[in-house]
Protein backbone atom coordinates (compact mmCIF):
# COMPACT_ATOMS: atom_id res chain seq x y z
CA UNK A 1 0.00 0.00 0.00
CA UNK A 2 1.28 3.44 -0.86
CA UNK A 3 2.23 5.51 2.18
CA UNK A 4 0.05 8.39 0.98
CA UNK A 5 -2.91 6.02 0.80
CA UNK A 6 -2.22 4.77 4.31
CA UNK A 7 -2.01 8.32 5.68
CA UNK A 8 -5.26 9.24 3.95
CA UNK A 9 -7.02 6.25 5.49
CA UNK A 10 -5.59 6.97 8.92
CA UNK A 11 -6.93 10.52 8.75
CA UNK A 12 -10.40 9.59 7.53
CA UNK A 13 -13.25 9.67 10.02
CA UNK A 14 -14.79 6.26 10.68
CA UNK A 15 -15.69 3.57 13.17
CA UNK A 16 -12.71 1.26 12.71
CA UNK A 17 -9.22 1.49 14.16
CA UNK A 18 -6.11 1.67 11.99
CA UNK A 19 -4.90 -1.72 13.26
CA UNK A 20 -8.16 -3.34 12.18
CA UNK A 21 -8.14 -1.56 8.83
CA UNK A 22 -4.60 -2.76 8.13
CA UNK A 23 -5.64 -6.33 8.90
CA UNK A 24 -8.68 -6.13 6.63
CA UNK A 25 -6.46 -4.77 3.86
CA UNK A 26 -4.11 -7.75 4.28
CA UNK A 27 -7.01 -10.17 3.98
CA UNK A 28 -8.44 -8.35 0.95
CA UNK A 29 -5.07 -8.45 -0.78
CA UNK A 30 -5.11 -12.25 -0.69
CA UNK A 31 -8.60 -12.77 -2.16
CA UNK A 32 -8.46 -14.20 -5.71
CA UNK A 33 -9.99 -12.11 -8.47
CA UNK A 34 -12.50 -14.89 -9.10
CA UNK A 35 -13.95 -14.49 -5.60
CA UNK A 36 -15.86 -11.65 -3.98
CA UNK A 37 -15.29 -9.52 -0.91
CA UNK A 38 -18.56 -8.81 0.89
CA UNK A 39 -19.02 -6.25 3.64
CA UNK A 40 -22.20 -6.23 5.72
CA UNK A 41 -22.71 -2.82 7.29
CA UNK A 42 -20.51 -0.31 5.50
CA UNK A 43 -21.61 2.93 7.18
CA UNK A 44 -19.37 5.76 5.89
CA UNK A 45 -17.05 3.35 4.11
CA UNK A 46 -13.74 3.65 5.95
CA UNK A 47 -13.40 -0.12 6.32
CA UNK A 48 -14.52 -0.46 2.69
CA UNK A 49 -11.66 1.80 1.63
CA UNK A 50 -9.11 -0.16 3.67
CA UNK A 51 -10.22 -3.36 1.92
CA UNK A 52 -10.26 -1.64 -1.48
CA UNK A 53 -6.68 -0.47 -0.96
CA UNK A 54 -5.65 -4.01 -0.07
CA UNK A 55 -7.51 -5.55 -2.97
CA UNK A 56 -5.95 -3.13 -5.43
CA UNK A 57 -2.50 -4.08 -4.11
CA UNK A 58 -3.39 -7.74 -4.55
CA UNK A 59 -5.60 -9.47 -7.10
CA UNK A 60 -8.28 -6.84 -7.60
CA UNK A 61 -11.15 -8.79 -6.05
CA UNK A 62 -14.37 -6.79 -6.24
CA UNK A 63 -16.02 -5.52 -3.06
CA UNK A 64 -19.78 -5.40 -2.54
CA UNK A 65 -20.79 -3.12 0.33
CA UNK A 66 -24.20 -4.20 1.65
CA UNK A 67 -26.03 -1.63 3.77
CA UNK A 68 -29.61 -0.32 3.79
CA UNK A 69 -28.37 3.19 4.67
CA UNK A 70 -31.71 3.79 6.32
CA UNK A 71 -33.00 6.03 9.06
CA UNK A 72 -30.74 5.78 12.16
CA UNK A 73 -32.05 3.46 14.86
CA UNK A 74 -32.64 5.18 18.24
CA UNK A 75 -29.72 4.68 20.62
CA UNK A 76 -27.44 3.27 17.90
CA UNK A 77 -24.22 4.48 16.30
CA UNK A 78 -25.87 4.58 12.88
CA UNK A 79 -25.19 8.33 12.67
CA UNK A 80 -22.71 9.36 15.38
CA UNK A 81 -21.72 12.58 13.57
CA UNK A 82 -25.28 13.80 12.85
CA UNK A 83 -24.81 13.61 9.11
CA UNK A 84 -28.56 13.32 8.54
CA UNK A 85 -30.77 10.72 6.85
CA UNK A 86 -28.85 10.79 3.56
CA UNK A 87 -25.54 12.10 4.88
CA UNK A 88 -24.09 8.73 5.89
CA UNK A 89 -24.51 7.36 2.36
CA UNK A 90 -23.16 10.60 0.88
CA UNK A 91 -20.08 10.32 3.10
CA UNK A 92 -19.65 6.70 1.99
CA UNK A 93 -19.76 7.80 -1.66
CA UNK A 94 -17.25 10.60 -1.02
CA UNK A 95 -14.88 8.27 0.81
CA UNK A 96 -15.00 5.72 -2.00
CA UNK A 97 -14.30 8.53 -4.49
CA UNK A 98 -11.42 9.74 -2.28
CA UNK A 99 -12.74 13.30 -2.05
CA UNK A 100 -13.43 13.82 1.67
CA UNK A 101 -10.10 15.48 2.41
CA UNK A 102 -8.20 18.39 0.90
CA UNK A 103 -5.69 15.88 -0.45
CA UNK A 104 -7.57 13.41 -2.64
CA UNK A 105 -7.12 9.67 -2.39
CA UNK A 106 -7.42 7.25 -5.29
CA UNK A 107 -10.95 6.50 -6.48
CA UNK A 108 -12.16 3.00 -5.56
CA UNK A 109 -15.36 3.20 -7.55
CA UNK A 110 -14.13 0.63 -10.05
CA UNK A 111 -13.74 -2.11 -7.43
CA UNK A 112 -16.52 -1.20 -4.96
CA UNK A 113 -20.24 -1.63 -5.55
CA UNK A 114 -22.66 -0.32 -2.90
CA UNK A 115 -25.73 -2.53 -2.56
CA UNK A 116 -28.50 -0.66 -0.75
CA UNK A 117 -30.38 -3.63 0.63
CA UNK A 118 -30.91 -5.41 3.89
CA UNK A 119 -28.42 -8.19 4.46
CA UNK A 120 -30.76 -11.18 4.33
CA UNK A 121 -32.48 -9.98 1.16
CA UNK A 122 -29.12 -9.47 -0.55
CA UNK A 123 -27.94 -12.95 0.44
CA UNK A 124 -30.93 -14.51 -1.29
CA UNK A 125 -29.89 -13.19 -4.69
CA UNK A 126 -26.13 -13.65 -4.23
CA UNK A 127 -24.36 -16.14 -6.52
CA UNK A 128 -20.58 -15.50 -6.46
CA UNK A 129 -18.24 -17.38 -4.08
CA UNK A 130 -16.97 -15.15 -1.26
CA UNK A 131 -13.31 -15.10 -0.30
CA UNK A 132 -13.62 -12.47 2.44
CA UNK A 133 -16.75 -11.77 4.49
CA UNK A 134 -16.67 -8.81 6.87
CA UNK A 135 -19.67 -8.46 9.21
CA UNK A 136 -20.17 -5.10 10.91
CA UNK A 137 -23.92 -4.55 10.75
CA UNK A 138 -26.43 -4.66 13.62
CA UNK A 139 -24.54 -5.51 16.81
CA UNK A 140 -27.17 -7.70 18.44
CA UNK A 141 -26.91 -11.45 18.81
CA UNK A 142 -29.90 -12.50 16.67
CA UNK A 143 -28.89 -10.09 13.88
CA UNK A 144 -25.28 -11.33 13.91
CA UNK A 145 -26.48 -14.93 13.64
CA UNK A 146 -28.88 -14.05 10.83
CA UNK A 147 -26.02 -12.47 8.90
CA UNK A 148 -23.85 -15.53 9.47
CA UNK A 149 -26.44 -18.12 8.45
CA UNK A 150 -27.58 -16.02 5.48
CA UNK A 151 -24.10 -15.58 4.01
CA UNK A 152 -22.02 -18.55 5.18
CA UNK A 153 -23.40 -20.85 2.42
CA UNK A 154 -21.70 -18.55 -0.10
CA UNK A 155 -18.22 -18.82 1.43
CA UNK A 156 -15.51 -20.28 -0.78
CA UNK A 157 -13.10 -22.92 0.53
CA UNK A 158 -10.33 -21.11 2.40
CA UNK A 159 -12.44 -17.98 2.92
CA UNK A 160 -11.61 -15.54 5.70
CA UNK A 161 -14.46 -14.35 7.93
CA UNK A 162 -14.20 -11.20 10.07
CA UNK A 163 -16.56 -9.76 12.67
CA UNK A 164 -16.12 -6.27 14.08
CA UNK A 165 -16.81 -5.17 17.67
CA UNK A 166 -16.10 -8.53 19.26
CA UNK A 167 -15.78 -7.73 22.95
CA UNK A 168 -17.54 -6.68 26.13
CA UNK A 169 -18.89 -3.46 24.64
CA UNK A 170 -21.18 -5.51 22.39
CA UNK A 171 -21.95 -8.70 24.32
CA UNK A 172 -24.40 -9.88 21.66
CA UNK A 173 -21.63 -10.04 19.06
CA UNK A 174 -19.24 -11.86 21.37
CA UNK A 175 -21.83 -14.34 22.57
CA UNK A 176 -23.01 -15.16 19.04
CA UNK A 177 -19.45 -15.91 17.94
CA UNK A 178 -18.38 -17.81 21.05
CA UNK A 179 -21.50 -19.93 21.46
CA UNK A 180 -22.59 -20.60 17.90
CA UNK A 181 -20.47 -19.28 15.04
CA UNK A 182 -17.05 -20.47 16.19
CA UNK A 183 -18.25 -24.03 17.05
CA UNK A 184 -20.28 -24.30 13.82
CA UNK A 185 -17.22 -24.66 11.57
CA UNK A 186 -13.71 -26.09 11.61
CA UNK A 187 -11.27 -23.18 11.36
CA UNK A 188 -7.64 -23.33 10.20
CA UNK A 189 -6.91 -20.44 12.51
CA UNK A 190 -8.68 -17.79 14.58
CA UNK A 191 -7.29 -14.49 15.75
CA UNK A 192 -8.22 -11.16 17.32
CA UNK A 193 -6.78 -7.89 16.08
CA UNK A 194 -7.11 -5.35 18.86
CA UNK A 195 -9.28 -3.76 19.79
CA UNK A 196 -12.16 -5.83 18.42
CA UNK A 197 -11.69 -7.53 15.03
CA UNK A 198 -12.36 -11.29 15.29
CA UNK A 199 -11.24 -13.32 12.30
CA UNK A 200 -10.91 -16.90 11.20
CA UNK A 201 -10.14 -18.88 8.06
CA UNK A 202 -12.00 -21.90 6.75
CA UNK A 203 -10.19 -24.97 5.39
CA UNK A 204 -9.36 -25.00 1.68
Foldseek 3Di string as FASTA:
>chain_A
DDPVLLVLLCPDDDDDHSLVLQVLLCLLQPDAQQAAEEEEAQFLNSSVSSSLVSVVNHHLHAYEYEEQLADDDPPDVSPVPCLDSCRRVVSNQCVQCQNPDPDRDHHSVVRYHYDNDHQLVVLVPDDGAHQEYEYEHDLAQVVLVSNCVSHVVRHDAFHKYKYFPQDDVRVSNVCNCVPPVVVVADFPDWDARPPGITMTTHHD
